[in-house]
């Protein structure tokens, strides 16, 4: 079977097309990263009130975890006494 070699210009054209595609992808990636940064900034609390609300929710969650931990510790202590 004979090997077919493409014309000389074809590999050069392919390289140029790939280079162009790479540049386009890099530009699109930069745009996506900018959008991601903007979204992350928008998700952060914007006011003192929002920060206070989040801190309150976190404190409530911590209180709940403390209660659950105490219950689990009590349960584990009882199980150790039984064994």
C-alpha atoms as a PDB file:
ATOM      1  CA  UNK A   1       0.000   0.000   0.000  1.00  0.00           C
ATOM      2  CA  UNK A   2       1.433   3.376  -0.973  1.00  0.00           C
ATOM      3  CA  UNK A   3       1.724   6.170   1.584  1.00  0.00           C
ATOM      4  CA  UNK A   4      -0.026   9.375   0.572  1.00  0.00           C
ATOM      5  CA  UNK A   5       1.730  12.560   1.669  1.00  0.00           C
ATOM      6  CA  UNK A   6      -0.351  15.721   1.983  1.00  0.00           C
ATOM      7  CA  UNK A   7       0.822  18.788   0.101  1.00  0.00           C
ATOM      8  CA  UNK A   8       3.336  21.041   1.875  1.00  0.00           C
ATOM      9  CA  UNK A   9       0.797  23.809   2.513  1.00  0.00           C
ATOM     10  CA  UNK A  10      -1.667  21.581   4.334  1.00  0.00           C
ATOM     11  CA  UNK A  11       0.377  21.053   7.533  1.00  0.00           C
ATOM     12  CA  UNK A  12       1.134  24.786   7.703  1.00  0.00           C
ATOM     13  CA  UNK A  13      -2.551  25.611   7.313  1.00  0.00           C
ATOM     14  CA  UNK A  14      -3.392  23.097  10.044  1.00  0.00           C
ATOM     15  CA  UNK A  15      -0.853  24.666  12.390  1.00  0.00           C
ATOM     16  CA  UNK A  16      -2.238  28.125  11.732  1.00  0.00           C
ATOM     17  CA  UNK A  17      -5.793  26.928  12.309  1.00  0.00           C
ATOM     18  CA  UNK A  18      -4.756  25.253  15.569  1.00  0.00           C
ATOM     19  CA  UNK A  19      -2.921  28.392  16.665  1.00  0.00           C
ATOM     20  CA  UNK A  20      -6.000  30.492  15.946  1.00  0.00           C
ATOM     21  CA  UNK A  21      -8.209  28.024  17.800  1.00  0.00           C
ATOM     22  CA  UNK A  22      -5.835  28.083  20.787  1.00  0.00           C
ATOM     23  CA  UNK A  23      -5.987  31.880  20.914  1.00  0.00           C
ATOM     24  CA  UNK A  24      -9.783  31.813  20.766  1.00  0.00           C
ATOM     25  CA  UNK A  25      -9.958  29.231  23.533  1.00  0.00           C
ATOM     26  CA  UNK A  26      -7.579  31.242  25.710  1.00  0.00           C
ATOM     27  CA  UNK A  27      -9.730  34.337  25.237  1.00  0.00           C
ATOM     28  CA  UNK A  28     -12.882  32.396  26.074  1.00  0.00           C
ATOM     29  CA  UNK A  29     -11.228  30.890  29.137  1.00  0.00           C
ATOM     30  CA  UNK A  30     -10.186  34.348  30.324  1.00  0.00           C
ATOM     31  CA  UNK A  31     -13.781  35.548  29.883  1.00  0.00           C
ATOM     32  CA  UNK A  32     -15.106  32.557  31.843  1.00  0.00           C
ATOM     33  CA  UNK A  33     -12.618  33.219  34.644  1.00  0.00           C
ATOM     34  CA  UNK A  34     -13.741  36.854  34.811  1.00  0.00           C
ATOM     35  CA  UNK A  35     -17.374  35.767  35.031  1.00  0.00           C
ATOM     36  CA  UNK A  36     -16.466  33.266  37.746  1.00  0.00           C
ATOM     37  CA  UNK A  37     -14.743  35.986  39.777  1.00  0.00           C
ATOM     38  CA  UNK A  38     -17.743  38.281  39.382  1.00  0.00           C
ATOM     39  CA  UNK A  39     -20.118  35.539  40.543  1.00  0.00           C
ATOM     40  CA  UNK A  40     -17.920  34.711  43.532  1.00  0.00           C
ATOM     41  CA  UNK A  41     -17.841  38.383  44.498  1.00  0.00           C
ATOM     42  CA  UNK A  42     -21.630  38.639  44.167  1.00  0.00           C
ATOM     43  CA  UNK A  43     -22.106  35.603  46.418  1.00  0.00           C
ATOM     44  CA  UNK A  44     -20.215  37.218  49.285  1.00  0.00           C
ATOM     45  CA  UNK A  45     -22.206  39.219  51.816  1.00  0.00           C
ATOM     46  CA  UNK A  46     -22.513  42.829  50.697  1.00  0.00           C
ATOM     47  CA  UNK A  47     -23.782  44.486  53.890  1.00  0.00           C
ATOM     48  CA  UNK A  48     -23.172  44.346  57.621  1.00  0.00           C
ATOM     49  CA  UNK A  49     -26.690  43.001  58.012  1.00  0.00           C
ATOM     50  CA  UNK A  50     -25.969  40.096  55.689  1.00  0.00           C
ATOM     51  CA  UNK A  51     -22.780  39.298  57.601  1.00  0.00           C
ATOM     52  CA  UNK A  52     -24.699  39.422  60.888  1.00  0.00           C
ATOM     53  CA  UNK A  53     -27.359  37.055  59.532  1.00  0.00           C
ATOM     54  CA  UNK A  54     -24.723  34.588  58.340  1.00  0.00           C
ATOM     55  CA  UNK A  55     -22.914  34.768  61.678  1.00  0.00           C
ATOM     56  CA  UNK A  56     -26.195  34.065  63.485  1.00  0.00           C
ATOM     57  CA  UNK A  57     -26.854  31.027  61.293  1.00  0.00           C
ATOM     58  CA  UNK A  58     -23.321  29.790  61.906  1.00  0.00           C
ATOM     59  CA  UNK A  59     -23.733  30.230  65.656  1.00  0.00           C
ATOM     60  CA  UNK A  60     -27.011  28.296  65.571  1.00  0.00           C
ATOM     61  CA  UNK A  61     -25.307  25.508  63.648  1.00  0.00           C
ATOM     62  CA  UNK A  62     -22.435  25.457  66.166  1.00  0.00           C
ATOM     63  CA  UNK A  63     -24.905  25.283  69.061  1.00  0.00           C
ATOM     64  CA  UNK A  64     -26.689  22.386  67.375  1.00  0.00           C
ATOM     65  CA  UNK A  65     -23.389  20.560  66.847  1.00  0.00           C
ATOM     66  CA  UNK A  66     -22.428  21.085  70.497  1.00  0.00           C
ATOM     67  CA  UNK A  67     -25.740  19.572  71.592  1.00  0.00           C
ATOM     68  CA  UNK A  68     -25.336  16.640  69.223  1.00  0.00           C
ATOM     69  CA  UNK A  69     -21.758  16.079  70.398  1.00  0.00           C
ATOM     70  CA  UNK A  70     -22.840  16.049  74.021  1.00  0.00           C
ATOM     71  CA  UNK A  71     -25.562  13.513  73.244  1.00  0.00           C
ATOM     72  CA  UNK A  72     -23.132  11.301  71.346  1.00  0.00           C
ATOM     73  CA  UNK A  73     -20.530  11.523  74.110  1.00  0.00           C
ATOM     74  CA  UNK A  74     -23.174  10.543  76.680  1.00  0.00           C
ATOM     75  CA  UNK A  75     -24.286   7.625  74.518  1.00  0.00           C
ATOM     76  CA  UNK A  76     -20.697   6.432  74.019  1.00  0.00           C
ATOM     77  CA  UNK A  77     -20.014   6.656  77.761  1.00  0.00           C
ATOM     78  CA  UNK A  78     -23.095   4.531  78.494  1.00  0.00           C
ATOM     79  CA  UNK A  79     -22.037   1.962  75.915  1.00  0.00           C
ATOM     80  CA  UNK A  80     -18.574   1.726  77.490  1.00  0.00           C
ATOM     81  CA  UNK A  81     -20.131   1.117  80.914  1.00  0.00           C
ATOM     82  CA  UNK A  82     -22.199  -1.737  79.497  1.00  0.00           C
ATOM     83  CA  UNK A  83     -19.179  -3.517  78.018  1.00  0.00           C
END
